[in-house]
Amino acid sequence: MQVGKIMVVDDAAFMRQMLKDVLRTAGHEIAVEAANGEEAVNLYKRVKPDLVTMDITMPEMDGVEALRAIKKHDPKAKVIMCSAIGQKSMVISAIQAGAKDFVVKPFHKERLLETVRKVLAQ
C-alpha cells in the first residue's frame, strides 16, 4: 500500500481530528492541516503534500476556489473533496476544477481510505 504525506483541510476542528485519526491509523503521515482555503493554498505551496483532503464549505476561501488555486500552482496536485450530502453542484464544480475524487460526510472510514489509496496510486 502506498502511504503519503497528507494535508487535511476543514474549518471544523473535530472533522480535521477525525480525518487525521483515520489516516494516521492507516499508516499515513499528516504533513499539515488548514482551517480554510486560503491557509490551504499557502501551506500547499510550502509543504507540497502528496495528497489533500479538502472540505468544500469554508470561510475565507471555499474548497473549490482553493482547489483551483492549488491546481494552478501545481497541475499534478491530488485533491480529494469532502462534502456534506446535498452539495452535488459543488462536487461537480470541484471535479471539473480538477479534484481526483470526493467523499461524502459523514464519511465511512473504509470509503475514505479506499479513495485515498486509489488517488495516491494514480
PDB file of N, CA and C in Angstrom:
ATOM      1  N   MET A   1       0.841  -1.193   0.000  1.00  0.00           N
ATOM      2  CA  MET A   1       0.000   0.000   0.000  1.00  0.00           C
ATOM      3  C   MET A   1       0.878   1.245   0.000  1.00  0.00           C
ATOM      4  N   GLN A   2       0.500   2.187  -0.836  1.00  0.00           N
ATOM      5  CA  GLN A   2       1.250   3.444  -0.904  1.00  0.00           C
ATOM      6  C   GLN A   2       0.755   4.386   0.193  1.00  0.00           C
ATOM      7  N   VAL A   3       1.695   4.867   0.990  1.00  0.00           N
ATOM      8  CA  VAL A   3       1.322   5.857   2.009  1.00  0.00           C
ATOM      9  C   VAL A   3       1.847   7.201   1.548  1.00  0.00           C
ATOM     10  N   GLY A   4       1.251   8.247   2.082  1.00  0.00           N
ATOM     11  CA  GLY A   4       1.677   9.557   1.633  1.00  0.00           C
ATOM     12  C   GLY A   4       1.598  10.605   2.718  1.00  0.00           C
ATOM     13  N   LYS A   5       2.205  11.747   2.410  1.00  0.00           N
ATOM     14  CA  LYS A   5       2.099  12.931   3.273  1.00  0.00           C
ATOM     15  C   LYS A   5       0.805  13.626   2.887  1.00  0.00           C
ATOM     16  N   ILE A   6      -0.071  13.779   3.853  1.00  0.00           N
ATOM     17  CA  ILE A   6      -1.404  14.306   3.561  1.00  0.00           C
ATOM     18  C   ILE A   6      -1.651  15.624   4.279  1.00  0.00           C
ATOM     19  N   MET A   7      -2.303  16.560   3.557  1.00  0.00           N
ATOM     20  CA  MET A   7      -2.757  17.802   4.169  1.00  0.00           C
ATOM     21  C   MET A   7      -4.269  17.681   4.344  1.00  0.00           C
ATOM     22  N   VAL A   8      -4.723  17.932   5.565  1.00  0.00           N
ATOM     23  CA  VAL A   8      -6.145  17.861   5.894  1.00  0.00           C
ATOM     24  C   VAL A   8      -6.685  19.287   6.013  1.00  0.00           C
ATOM     25  N   VAL A   9      -7.711  19.596   5.209  1.00  0.00           N
ATOM     26  CA  VAL A   9      -8.280  20.945   5.207  1.00  0.00           C
ATOM     27  C   VAL A   9      -9.769  20.889   5.536  1.00  0.00           C
ATOM     28  N   ASP A  10     -10.139  21.491   6.653  1.00  0.00           N
ATOM     29  CA  ASP A  10     -11.547  21.566   7.063  1.00  0.00           C
ATOM     30  C   ASP A  10     -11.662  22.672   8.091  1.00  0.00           C
ATOM     31  N   ASP A  11     -12.751  23.432   8.031  1.00  0.00           N
ATOM     32  CA  ASP A  11     -12.904  24.522   9.001  1.00  0.00           C
ATOM     33  C   ASP A  11     -13.348  24.012  10.364  1.00  0.00           C
ATOM     34  N   ALA A  12     -13.832  22.768  10.427  1.00  0.00           N
ATOM     35  CA  ALA A  12     -14.257  22.190  11.710  1.00  0.00           C
ATOM     36  C   ALA A  12     -13.103  21.394  12.323  1.00  0.00           C
ATOM     37  N   ALA A  13     -12.639  21.836  13.490  1.00  0.00           N
ATOM     38  CA  ALA A  13     -11.507  21.176  14.156  1.00  0.00           C
ATOM     39  C   ALA A  13     -11.784  19.699  14.429  1.00  0.00           C
ATOM     40  N   PHE A  14     -13.023  19.359  14.840  1.00  0.00           N
ATOM     41  CA  PHE A  14     -13.347  17.955  15.146  1.00  0.00           C
ATOM     42  C   PHE A  14     -13.266  17.094  13.879  1.00  0.00           C
ATOM     43  N   MET A  15     -13.625  17.665  12.726  1.00  0.00           N
ATOM     44  CA  MET A  15     -13.565  16.915  11.463  1.00  0.00           C
ATOM     45  C   MET A  15     -12.115  16.691  11.061  1.00  0.00           C
ATOM     46  N   ARG A  16     -11.272  17.711  11.231  1.00  0.00           N
ATOM     47  CA  ARG A  16      -9.834  17.535  10.946  1.00  0.00           C
ATOM     48  C   ARG A  16      -9.273  16.433  11.834  1.00  0.00           C
ATOM     49  N   GLN A  17      -9.647  16.437  13.104  1.00  0.00           N
ATOM     50  CA  GLN A  17      -9.149  15.429  14.040  1.00  0.00           C
ATOM     51  C   GLN A  17      -9.594  14.026  13.620  1.00  0.00           C
ATOM     52  N   MET A  18     -10.865  13.895  13.240  1.00  0.00           N
ATOM     53  CA  MET A  18     -11.375  12.590  12.795  1.00  0.00           C
ATOM     54  C   MET A  18     -10.619  12.094  11.565  1.00  0.00           C
ATOM     55  N   LEU A  19     -10.440  12.972  10.591  1.00  0.00           N
ATOM     56  CA  LEU A  19      -9.707  12.600   9.374  1.00  0.00           C
ATOM     57  C   LEU A  19      -8.278  12.190   9.707  1.00  0.00           C
ATOM     58  N   LYS A  20      -7.616  12.999  10.531  1.00  0.00           N
ATOM     59  CA  LYS A  20      -6.226  12.702  10.908  1.00  0.00           C
ATOM     60  C   LYS A  20      -6.128  11.349  11.608  1.00  0.00           C
ATOM     61  N   ASP A  21      -7.049  11.080  12.532  1.00  0.00           N
ATOM     62  CA  ASP A  21      -7.030   9.804  13.256  1.00  0.00           C
ATOM     63  C   ASP A  21      -7.171   8.618  12.303  1.00  0.00           C
ATOM     64  N   VAL A  22      -8.125   8.703  11.386  1.00  0.00           N
ATOM     65  CA  VAL A  22      -8.366   7.614  10.432  1.00  0.00           C
ATOM     66  C   VAL A  22      -7.143   7.414   9.534  1.00  0.00           C
ATOM     67  N   LEU A  23      -6.597   8.508   9.026  1.00  0.00           N
ATOM     68  CA  LEU A  23      -5.456   8.417   8.104  1.00  0.00           C
ATOM     69  C   LEU A  23      -4.195   7.934   8.798  1.00  0.00           C
ATOM     70  N   ARG A  24      -3.935   8.442  10.007  1.00  0.00           N
ATOM     71  CA  ARG A  24      -2.743   8.001  10.770  1.00  0.00           C
ATOM     72  C   ARG A  24      -2.826   6.518  11.109  1.00  0.00           C
ATOM     73  N   THR A  25      -4.010   6.084  11.527  1.00  0.00           N
ATOM     74  CA  THR A  25      -4.211   4.679  11.879  1.00  0.00           C
ATOM     75  C   THR A  25      -3.897   3.778  10.689  1.00  0.00           C
ATOM     76  N   ALA A  26      -4.152   4.284   9.478  1.00  0.00           N
ATOM     77  CA  ALA A  26      -3.881   3.511   8.259  1.00  0.00           C
ATOM     78  C   ALA A  26      -2.424   3.659   7.800  1.00  0.00           C
ATOM     79  N   GLY A  27      -1.613   4.395   8.570  1.00  0.00           N
ATOM     80  CA  GLY A  27      -0.192   4.493   8.261  1.00  0.00           C
ATOM     81  C   GLY A  27       0.232   5.725   7.482  1.00  0.00           C
ATOM     82  N   HIS A  28      -0.703   6.628   7.240  1.00  0.00           N
ATOM     83  CA  HIS A  28      -0.347   7.848   6.502  1.00  0.00           C
ATOM     84  C   HIS A  28       0.241   8.888   7.453  1.00  0.00           C
ATOM     85  N   GLU A  29       1.051   9.781   6.869  1.00  0.00           N
ATOM     86  CA  GLU A  29       1.650  10.864   7.646  1.00  0.00           C
ATOM     87  C   GLU A  29       0.827  12.127   7.389  1.00  0.00           C
ATOM     88  N   ILE A  30       0.434  12.806   8.469  1.00  0.00           N
ATOM     89  CA  ILE A  30      -0.270  14.068   8.306  1.00  0.00           C
ATOM     90  C   ILE A  30       0.806  15.155   8.258  1.00  0.00           C
ATOM     91  N   ALA A  31       0.979  15.740   7.075  1.00  0.00           N
ATOM     92  CA  ALA A  31       2.033  16.730   6.882  1.00  0.00           C
ATOM     93  C   ALA A  31       1.650  18.055   7.525  1.00  0.00           C
ATOM     94  N   VAL A  32       0.387  18.433   7.358  1.00  0.00           N
ATOM     95  CA  VAL A  32      -0.062  19.737   7.834  1.00  0.00           C
ATOM     96  C   VAL A  32      -1.584  19.772   7.767  1.00  0.00           C
ATOM     97  N   GLU A  33      -2.185  20.721   8.499  1.00  0.00           N
ATOM     98  CA  GLU A  33      -3.639  20.890   8.416  1.00  0.00           C
ATOM     99  C   GLU A  33      -3.953  22.370   8.272  1.00  0.00           C
ATOM    100  N   ALA A  34      -5.110  22.645   7.674  1.00  0.00           N
ATOM    101  CA  ALA A  34      -5.530  24.029   7.462  1.00  0.00           C
ATOM    102  C   ALA A  34      -7.015  24.151   7.794  1.00  0.00           C
ATOM    103  N   ALA A  35      -7.405  25.352   8.238  1.00  0.00           N
ATOM    104  CA  ALA A  35      -8.790  25.591   8.648  1.00  0.00           C
ATOM    105  C   ALA A  35      -9.614  26.324   7.593  1.00  0.00           C
ATOM    106  N   ASN A  36      -8.953  26.791   6.530  1.00  0.00           N
ATOM    107  CA  ASN A  36      -9.701  27.429   5.443  1.00  0.00           C
ATOM    108  C   ASN A  36      -8.903  27.328   4.143  1.00  0.00           C
ATOM    109  N   GLY A  37      -9.549  27.699   3.052  1.00  0.00           N
ATOM    110  CA  GLY A  37      -8.943  27.549   1.739  1.00  0.00           C
ATOM    111  C   GLY A  37      -7.691  28.375   1.522  1.00  0.00           C
ATOM    112  N   GLU A  38      -7.719  29.600   2.032  1.00  0.00           N
ATOM    113  CA  GLU A  38      -6.563  30.487   1.861  1.00  0.00           C
ATOM    114  C   GLU A  38      -5.321  29.897   2.534  1.00  0.00           C
ATOM    115  N   GLU A  39      -5.522  29.439   3.769  1.00  0.00           N
ATOM    116  CA  GLU A  39      -4.437  28.802   4.523  1.00  0.00           C
ATOM    117  C   GLU A  39      -3.956  27.553   3.769  1.00  0.00           C
ATOM    118  N   ALA A  40      -4.894  26.800   3.217  1.00  0.00           N
ATOM    119  CA  ALA A  40      -4.571  25.566   2.490  1.00  0.00           C
ATOM    120  C   ALA A  40      -3.664  25.847   1.296  1.00  0.00           C
ATOM    121  N   VAL A  41      -3.986  26.881   0.529  1.00  0.00           N
ATOM    122  CA  VAL A  41      -3.198  27.219  -0.658  1.00  0.00           C
ATOM    123  C   VAL A  41      -1.775  27.601  -0.247  1.00  0.00           C
ATOM    124  N   ASN A  42      -1.646  28.449   0.771  1.00  0.00           N
ATOM    125  CA  ASN A  42      -0.317  28.873   1.233  1.00  0.00           C
ATOM    126  C   ASN A  42       0.499  27.700   1.762  1.00  0.00           C
ATOM    127  N   LEU A  43      -0.141  26.840   2.570  1.00  0.00           N
ATOM    128  CA  LEU A  43       0.567  25.684   3.121  1.00  0.00           C
ATOM    129  C   LEU A  43       0.935  24.673   2.035  1.00  0.00           C
ATOM    130  N   TYR A  44       0.059  24.502   1.069  1.00  0.00           N
ATOM    131  CA  TYR A  44       0.351  23.562  -0.026  1.00  0.00           C
ATOM    132  C   TYR A  44       1.655  23.949  -0.720  1.00  0.00           C
ATOM    133  N   LYS A  45       1.802  25.229  -1.008  1.00  0.00           N
ATOM    134  CA  LYS A  45       2.993  25.709  -1.719  1.00  0.00           C
ATOM    135  C   LYS A  45       4.268  25.446  -0.915  1.00  0.00           C
ATOM    136  N   ARG A  46       4.171  25.534   0.411  1.00  0.00           N
ATOM    137  CA  ARG A  46       5.342  25.311   1.269  1.00  0.00           C
ATOM    138  C   ARG A  46       5.635  23.837   1.493  1.00  0.00           C
ATOM    139  N   VAL A  47       4.596  23.058   1.769  1.00  0.00           N
ATOM    140  CA  VAL A  47       4.769  21.672   2.217  1.00  0.00           C
ATOM    141  C   VAL A  47       4.768  20.661   1.066  1.00  0.00           C
ATOM    142  N   LYS A  48       4.058  20.968  -0.020  1.00  0.00           N
ATOM    143  CA  LYS A  48       3.919  20.063  -1.164  1.00  0.00           C
ATOM    144  C   LYS A  48       3.516  18.643  -0.741  1.00  0.00           C
ATOM    145  N   PRO A  49       2.345  18.507  -0.121  1.00  0.00           N
ATOM    146  CA  PRO A  49       1.910  17.166   0.290  1.00  0.00           C
ATOM    147  C   PRO A  49       1.593  16.285  -0.922  1.00  0.00           C
ATOM    148  N   ASP A  50       1.558  14.969  -0.698  1.00  0.00           N
ATOM    149  CA  ASP A  50       1.242  14.017  -1.767  1.00  0.00           C
ATOM    150  C   ASP A  50      -0.251  14.026  -2.079  1.00  0.00           C
ATOM    151  N   LEU A  51      -1.044  14.423  -1.078  1.00  0.00           N
ATOM    152  CA  LEU A  51      -2.494  14.368  -1.216  1.00  0.00           C
ATOM    153  C   LEU A  51      -3.124  15.397  -0.286  1.00  0.00           C
ATOM    154  N   VAL A  52      -4.269  15.930  -0.702  1.00  0.00           N
ATOM    155  CA  VAL A  52      -5.012  16.891   0.120  1.00  0.00           C
ATOM    156  C   VAL A  52      -6.443  16.393   0.268  1.00  0.00           C
ATOM    157  N   THR A  53      -6.970  16.403   1.497  1.00  0.00           N
ATOM    158  CA  THR A  53      -8.413  16.209   1.674  1.00  0.00           C
ATOM    159  C   THR A  53      -8.950  17.609   1.927  1.00  0.00           C
ATOM    160  N   MET A  54      -9.937  18.027   1.145  1.00  0.00           N
ATOM    161  CA  MET A  54     -10.398  19.410   1.159  1.00  0.00           C
ATOM    162  C   MET A  54     -11.900  19.492   1.387  1.00  0.00           C
ATOM    163  N   ASP A  55     -12.284  20.182   2.442  1.00  0.00           N
ATOM    164  CA  ASP A  55     -13.695  20.463   2.684  1.00  0.00           C
ATOM    165  C   ASP A  55     -14.151  21.445   1.610  1.00  0.00           C
ATOM    166  N   ILE A  56     -15.435  21.422   1.275  1.00  0.00           N
ATOM    167  CA  ILE A  56     -15.919  22.363   0.263  1.00  0.00           C
ATOM    168  C   ILE A  56     -16.349  23.683   0.892  1.00  0.00           C
ATOM    169  N   THR A  57     -17.162  23.604   1.943  1.00  0.00           N
ATOM    170  CA  THR A  57     -17.717  24.823   2.529  1.00  0.00           C
ATOM    171  C   THR A  57     -16.852  25.313   3.681  1.00  0.00           C
ATOM    172  N   MET A  58     -16.133  26.431   3.444  1.00  0.00           N
ATOM    173  CA  MET A  58     -15.247  27.002   4.462  1.00  0.00           C
ATOM    174  C   MET A  58     -15.249  28.519   4.348  1.00  0.00           C
ATOM    175  N   PRO A  59     -14.867  29.213   5.428  1.00  0.00           N
ATOM    176  CA  PRO A  59     -14.745  30.677   5.362  1.00  0.00           C
ATOM    177  C   PRO A  59     -13.473  31.078   4.599  1.00  0.00           C
ATOM    178  N   GLU A  60     -13.316  32.357   4.366  1.00  0.00           N
ATOM    179  CA  GLU A  60     -12.167  32.951   3.652  1.00  0.00           C
ATOM    180  C   GLU A  60     -12.196  32.589   2.166  1.00  0.00           C
ATOM    181  N   MET A  61     -11.978  31.310   1.891  1.00  0.00           N
ATOM    182  CA  MET A  61     -11.958  30.815   0.507  1.00  0.00           C
ATOM    183  C   MET A  61     -12.525  29.415   0.555  1.00  0.00           C
ATOM    184  N   ASP A  62     -13.542  29.123  -0.256  1.00  0.00           N
ATOM    185  CA  ASP A  62     -14.126  27.779  -0.184  1.00  0.00           C
ATOM    186  C   ASP A  62     -13.205  26.748  -0.844  1.00  0.00           C
ATOM    187  N   GLY A  63     -13.567  25.494  -0.677  1.00  0.00           N
ATOM    188  CA  GLY A  63     -12.720  24.406  -1.148  1.00  0.00           C
ATOM    189  C   GLY A  63     -12.511  24.381  -2.653  1.00  0.00           C
ATOM    190  N   VAL A  64     -13.544  24.749  -3.413  1.00  0.00           N
ATOM    191  CA  VAL A  64     -13.417  24.731  -4.872  1.00  0.00           C
ATOM    192  C   VAL A  64     -12.444  25.820  -5.335  1.00  0.00           C
ATOM    193  N   GLU A  65     -12.552  27.005  -4.745  1.00  0.00           N
ATOM    194  CA  GLU A  65     -11.607  28.093  -5.075  1.00  0.00           C
ATOM    195  C   GLU A  65     -10.181  27.698  -4.697  1.00  0.00           C
ATOM    196  N   ALA A  66     -10.030  27.114  -3.502  1.00  0.00           N
ATOM    197  CA  ALA A  66      -8.704  26.679  -3.045  1.00  0.00           C
ATOM    198  C   ALA A  66      -8.146  25.612  -3.975  1.00  0.00           C
ATOM    199  N   LEU A  67      -9.000  24.686  -4.392  1.00  0.00           N
ATOM    200  CA  LEU A  67      -8.587  23.636  -5.331  1.00  0.00           C
ATOM    201  C   LEU A  67      -8.070  24.261  -6.622  1.00  0.00           C
ATOM    202  N   ARG A  68      -8.805  25.229  -7.165  1.00  0.00           N
ATOM    203  CA  ARG A  68      -8.381  25.894  -8.413  1.00  0.00           C
ATOM    204  C   ARG A  68      -7.015  26.555  -8.233  1.00  0.00           C
ATOM    205  N   ALA A  69      -6.818  27.230  -7.086  1.00  0.00           N
ATOM    206  CA  ALA A  69      -5.545  27.913  -6.820  1.00  0.00           C
ATOM    207  C   ALA A  69      -4.399  26.903  -6.689  1.00  0.00           C
ATOM    208  N   ILE A  70      -4.659  25.786  -6.033  1.00  0.00           N
ATOM    209  CA  ILE A  70      -3.629  24.740  -5.868  1.00  0.00           C
ATOM    210  C   ILE A  70      -3.293  24.122  -7.224  1.00  0.00           C
ATOM    211  N   LYS A  71      -4.307  23.828  -8.031  1.00  0.00           N
ATOM    212  CA  LYS A  71      -4.087  23.214  -9.343  1.00  0.00           C
ATOM    213  C   LYS A  71      -3.340  24.170 -10.282  1.00  0.00           C
ATOM    214  N   LYS A  72      -3.584  25.471 -10.122  1.00  0.00           N
ATOM    215  CA  LYS A  72      -2.891  26.463 -10.935  1.00  0.00           C
ATOM    216  C   LYS A  72      -1.399  26.450 -10.577  1.00  0.00           C
ATOM    217  N   HIS A  73      -1.123  26.329  -9.271  1.00  0.00           N
ATOM    218  CA  HIS A  73       0.250  26.273  -8.779  1.00  0.00           C
ATOM    219  C   HIS A  73       0.911  24.941  -9.149  1.00  0.00           C
ATOM    220  N   ASP A  74       0.155  23.853  -8.998  1.00  0.00           N
ATOM    221  CA  ASP A  74       0.671  22.503  -9.230  1.00  0.00           C
ATOM    222  C   ASP A  74      -0.393  21.676  -9.949  1.00  0.00           C
ATOM    223  N   PRO A  75      -0.331  21.624 -11.296  1.00  0.00           N
ATOM    224  CA  PRO A  75      -1.347  20.883 -12.060  1.00  0.00           C
ATOM    225  C   PRO A  75      -1.449  19.404 -11.682  1.00  0.00           C
ATOM    226  N   LYS A  76      -0.388  18.846 -11.060  1.00  0.00           N
ATOM    227  CA  LYS A  76      -0.405  17.424 -10.684  1.00  0.00           C
ATOM    228  C   LYS A  76      -0.959  17.178  -9.271  1.00  0.00           C
ATOM    229  N   ALA A  77      -1.381  18.237  -8.594  1.00  0.00           N
ATOM    230  CA  ALA A  77      -1.881  18.102  -7.213  1.00  0.00           C
ATOM    231  C   ALA A  77      -3.006  17.074  -7.145  1.00  0.00           C
ATOM    232  N   LYS A  78      -2.971  16.274  -6.089  1.00  0.00           N
ATOM    233  CA  LYS A  78      -4.010  15.259  -5.867  1.00  0.00           C
ATOM    234  C   LYS A  78      -4.892  15.725  -4.718  1.00  0.00           C
ATOM    235  N   VAL A  79      -6.130  16.061  -5.050  1.00  0.00           N
ATOM    236  CA  VAL A  79      -7.053  16.601  -4.057  1.00  0.00           C
ATOM    237  C   VAL A  79      -8.334  15.779  -4.038  1.00  0.00           C
ATOM    238  N   ILE A  80      -8.725  15.362  -2.834  1.00  0.00           N
ATOM    239  CA  ILE A  80      -9.995  14.666  -2.634  1.00  0.00           C
ATOM    240  C   ILE A  80     -10.906  15.637  -1.896  1.00  0.00           C
ATOM    241  N   MET A  81     -12.068  15.899  -2.450  1.00  0.00           N
ATOM    242  CA  MET A  81     -13.015  16.811  -1.813  1.00  0.00           C
ATOM    243  C   MET A  81     -13.871  16.044  -0.806  1.00  0.00           C
ATOM    244  N   CYS A  82     -14.163  16.692   0.304  1.00  0.00           N
ATOM    245  CA  CYS A  82     -15.045  16.118   1.325  1.00  0.00           C
ATOM    246  C   CYS A  82     -16.237  17.052   1.446  1.00  0.00           C
ATOM    247  N   SER A  83     -17.420  16.519   1.214  1.00  0.00           N
ATOM    248  CA  SER A  83     -18.578  17.399   1.281  1.00  0.00           C
ATOM    249  C   SER A  83     -19.747  16.725   1.967  1.00  0.00           C
ATOM    250  N   ALA A  84     -20.602  17.562   2.537  1.00  0.00           N
ATOM    251  CA  ALA A  84     -21.824  17.059   3.146  1.00  0.00           C
ATOM    252  C   ALA A  84     -22.793  16.667   2.034  1.00  0.00           C
ATOM    253  N   ILE A  85     -23.697  15.777   2.361  1.00  0.00           N
ATOM    254  CA  ILE A  85     -24.712  15.366   1.405  1.00  0.00           C
ATOM    255  C   ILE A  85     -25.486  16.609   0.962  1.00  0.00           C
ATOM    256  N   GLY A  86     -25.873  16.655  -0.309  1.00  0.00           N
ATOM    257  CA  GLY A  86     -26.675  17.772  -0.780  1.00  0.00           C
ATOM    258  C   GLY A  86     -25.867  18.890  -1.405  1.00  0.00           C
ATOM    259  N   GLN A  87     -24.577  18.689  -1.576  1.00  0.00           N
ATOM    260  CA  GLN A  87     -23.752  19.710  -2.225  1.00  0.00           C
ATOM    261  C   GLN A  87     -23.324  19.228  -3.603  1.00  0.00           C
ATOM    262  N   LYS A  88     -24.263  18.559  -4.288  1.00  0.00           N
ATOM    263  CA  LYS A  88     -23.928  17.915  -5.555  1.00  0.00           C
ATOM    264  C   LYS A  88     -23.337  18.882  -6.586  1.00  0.00           C
ATOM    265  N   SER A  89     -23.916  20.073  -6.724  1.00  0.00           N
ATOM    266  CA  SER A  89     -23.413  21.019  -7.729  1.00  0.00           C
ATOM    267  C   SER A  89     -21.989  21.453  -7.392  1.00  0.00           C
ATOM    268  N   MET A  90     -21.692  21.591  -6.079  1.00  0.00           N
ATOM    269  CA  MET A  90     -20.341  21.951  -5.648  1.00  0.00           C
ATOM    270  C   MET A  90     -19.357  20.824  -5.971  1.00  0.00           C
ATOM    271  N   VAL A  91     -19.799  19.587  -5.767  1.00  0.00           N
ATOM    272  CA  VAL A  91     -18.934  18.437  -6.054  1.00  0.00           C
ATOM    273  C   VAL A  91     -18.623  18.396  -7.548  1.00  0.00           C
ATOM    274  N   ILE A  92     -19.642  18.638  -8.382  1.00  0.00           N
ATOM    275  CA  ILE A  92     -19.436  18.657  -9.830  1.00  0.00           C
ATOM    276  C   ILE A  92     -18.438  19.758 -10.200  1.00  0.00           C
ATOM    277  N   SER A  93     -18.592  20.948  -9.606  1.00  0.00           N
ATOM    278  CA  SER A  93     -17.640  22.045  -9.847  1.00  0.00           C
ATOM    279  C   SER A  93     -16.230  21.633  -9.450  1.00  0.00           C
ATOM    280  N   ALA A  94     -16.122  20.938  -8.324  1.00  0.00           N
ATOM    281  CA  ALA A  94     -14.807  20.503  -7.818  1.00  0.00           C
ATOM    282  C   ALA A  94     -14.160  19.502  -8.774  1.00  0.00           C
ATOM    283  N   ILE A  95     -14.931  18.557  -9.275  1.00  0.00           N
ATOM    284  CA  ILE A  95     -14.392  17.560 -10.215  1.00  0.00           C
ATOM    285  C   ILE A  95     -13.955  18.276 -11.504  1.00  0.00           C
ATOM    286  N   GLN A  96     -14.764  19.212 -11.969  1.00  0.00           N
ATOM    287  CA  GLN A  96     -14.401  19.975 -13.175  1.00  0.00           C
ATOM    288  C   GLN A  96     -13.136  20.804 -12.938  1.00  0.00           C
ATOM    289  N   ALA A  97     -12.945  21.264 -11.693  1.00  0.00           N
ATOM    290  CA  ALA A  97     -11.764  22.075 -11.363  1.00  0.00           C
ATOM    291  C   ALA A  97     -10.514  21.224 -11.150  1.00  0.00           C
ATOM    292  N   GLY A  98     -10.688  19.902 -11.153  1.00  0.00           N
ATOM    293  CA  GLY A  98      -9.519  19.027 -11.067  1.00  0.00           C
ATOM    294  C   GLY A  98      -9.428  18.132  -9.852  1.00  0.00           C
ATOM    295  N   ALA A  99     -10.475  18.064  -9.024  1.00  0.00           N
ATOM    296  CA  ALA A  99     -10.440  17.141  -7.879  1.00  0.00           C
ATOM    297  C   ALA A  99     -10.368  15.711  -8.408  1.00  0.00           C
ATOM    298  N   LYS A 100      -9.612  14.861  -7.728  1.00  0.00           N
ATOM    299  CA  LYS A 100      -9.443  13.474  -8.164  1.00  0.00           C
ATOM    300  C   LYS A 100     -10.641  12.610  -7.778  1.00  0.00           C
ATOM    301  N   ASP A 101     -11.306  12.979  -6.674  1.00  0.00           N
ATOM    302  CA  ASP A 101     -12.434  12.192  -6.193  1.00  0.00           C
ATOM    303  C   ASP A 101     -13.094  12.968  -5.071  1.00  0.00           C
ATOM    304  N   PHE A 102     -14.147  12.405  -4.499  1.00  0.00           N
ATOM    305  CA  PHE A 102     -14.768  13.049  -3.354  1.00  0.00           C
ATOM    306  C   PHE A 102     -15.335  11.998  -2.413  1.00  0.00           C
ATOM    307  N   VAL A 103     -15.421  12.358  -1.152  1.00  0.00           N
ATOM    308  CA  VAL A 103     -16.084  11.513  -0.157  1.00  0.00           C
ATOM    309  C   VAL A 103     -17.157  12.360   0.510  1.00  0.00           C
ATOM    310  N   VAL A 104     -18.260  11.710   0.826  1.00  0.00           N
ATOM    311  CA  VAL A 104     -19.385  12.408   1.433  1.00  0.00           C
ATOM    312  C   VAL A 104     -19.270  12.321   2.952  1.00  0.00           C
ATOM    313  N   LYS A 105     -19.500  13.468   3.612  1.00  0.00           N
ATOM    314  CA  LYS A 105     -19.513  13.498   5.080  1.00  0.00           C
ATOM    315  C   LYS A 105     -20.956  13.328   5.538  1.00  0.00           C
ATOM    316  N   PRO A 106     -21.209  12.652   6.634  1.00  0.00           N
ATOM    317  CA  PRO A 106     -20.205  11.934   7.447  1.00  0.00           C
ATOM    318  C   PRO A 106     -19.665  10.736   6.664  1.00  0.00           C
ATOM    319  N   PHE A 107     -18.339  10.627   6.612  1.00  0.00           N
ATOM    320  CA  PHE A 107     -17.724   9.593   5.779  1.00  0.00           C
ATOM    321  C   PHE A 107     -17.603   8.257   6.509  1.00  0.00           C
ATOM    322  N   HIS A 108     -17.534   7.195   5.707  1.00  0.00           N
ATOM    323  CA  HIS A 108     -17.250   5.864   6.237  1.00  0.00           C
ATOM    324  C   HIS A 108     -15.744   5.690   6.123  1.00  0.00           C
ATOM    325  N   LYS A 109     -15.138   5.227   7.190  1.00  0.00           N
ATOM    326  CA  LYS A 109     -13.687   5.057   7.251  1.00  0.00           C
ATOM    327  C   LYS A 109     -13.151   4.283   6.040  1.00  0.00           C
ATOM    328  N   GLU A 110     -13.802   3.167   5.708  1.00  0.00           N
ATOM    329  CA  GLU A 110     -13.331   2.319   4.606  1.00  0.00           C
ATOM    330  C   GLU A 110     -13.386   3.062   3.278  1.00  0.00           C
ATOM    331  N   ARG A 111     -14.453   3.812   3.066  1.00  0.00           N
ATOM    332  CA  ARG A 111     -14.616   4.555   1.808  1.00  0.00           C
ATOM    333  C   ARG A 111     -13.522   5.625   1.695  1.00  0.00           C
ATOM    334  N   LEU A 112     -13.247   6.315   2.794  1.00  0.00           N
ATOM    335  CA  LEU A 112     -12.205   7.341   2.794  1.00  0.00           C
ATOM    336  C   LEU A 112     -10.848   6.712   2.458  1.00  0.00           C
ATOM    337  N   LEU A 113     -10.497   5.637   3.148  1.00  0.00           N
ATOM    338  CA  LEU A 113      -9.191   5.007   2.952  1.00  0.00           C
ATOM    339  C   LEU A 113      -9.047   4.421   1.555  1.00  0.00           C
ATOM    340  N   GLU A 114     -10.127   3.845   1.033  1.00  0.00           N
ATOM    341  CA  GLU A 114     -10.115   3.291  -0.315  1.00  0.00           C
ATOM    342  C   GLU A 114      -9.878   4.409  -1.341  1.00  0.00           C
ATOM    343  N   THR A 115     -10.529   5.545  -1.130  1.00  0.00           N
ATOM    344  CA  THR A 115     -10.370   6.691  -2.030  1.00  0.00           C
ATOM    345  C   THR A 115      -8.956   7.234  -1.958  1.00  0.00           C
ATOM    346  N   VAL A 116      -8.411   7.366  -0.746  1.00  0.00           N
ATOM    347  CA  VAL A 116      -7.037   7.859  -0.558  1.00  0.00           C
ATOM    348  C   VAL A 116      -6.049   6.925  -1.255  1.00  0.00           C
ATOM    349  N   ARG A 117      -6.222   5.607  -1.048  1.00  0.00           N
ATOM    350  CA  ARG A 117      -5.331   4.627  -1.688  1.00  0.00           C
ATOM    351  C   ARG A 117      -5.376   4.755  -3.205  1.00  0.00           C
ATOM    352  N   LYS A 118      -6.589   4.837  -3.732  1.00  0.00           N
ATOM    353  CA  LYS A 118      -6.787   4.908  -5.189  1.00  0.00           C
ATOM    354  C   LYS A 118      -6.129   6.169  -5.767  1.00  0.00           C
ATOM    355  N   VAL A 119      -6.341   7.317  -5.118  1.00  0.00           N
ATOM    356  CA  VAL A 119      -5.801   8.576  -5.641  1.00  0.00           C
ATOM    357  C   VAL A 119      -4.276   8.627  -5.506  1.00  0.00           C
ATOM    358  N   LEU A 120      -3.736   8.125  -4.407  1.00  0.00           N
ATOM    359  CA  LEU A 120      -2.269   8.109  -4.254  1.00  0.00           C
ATOM    360  C   LEU A 120      -1.620   7.224  -5.318  1.00  0.00           C
ATOM    361  N   ALA A 121      -2.299   6.180  -5.732  1.00  0.00           N
ATOM    362  CA  ALA A 121      -1.743   5.240  -6.723  1.00  0.00           C
ATOM    363  C   ALA A 121      -1.792   5.791  -8.154  1.00  0.00           C
ATOM    364  N   GLN A 122      -2.531   6.857  -8.382  1.00  0.00           N
ATOM    365  CA  GLN A 122      -2.669   7.427  -9.743  1.00  0.00           C
ATOM    366  C   GLN A 122      -1.382   8.045 -10.231  1.00  0.00           C
TER     367      GLN A 122
END
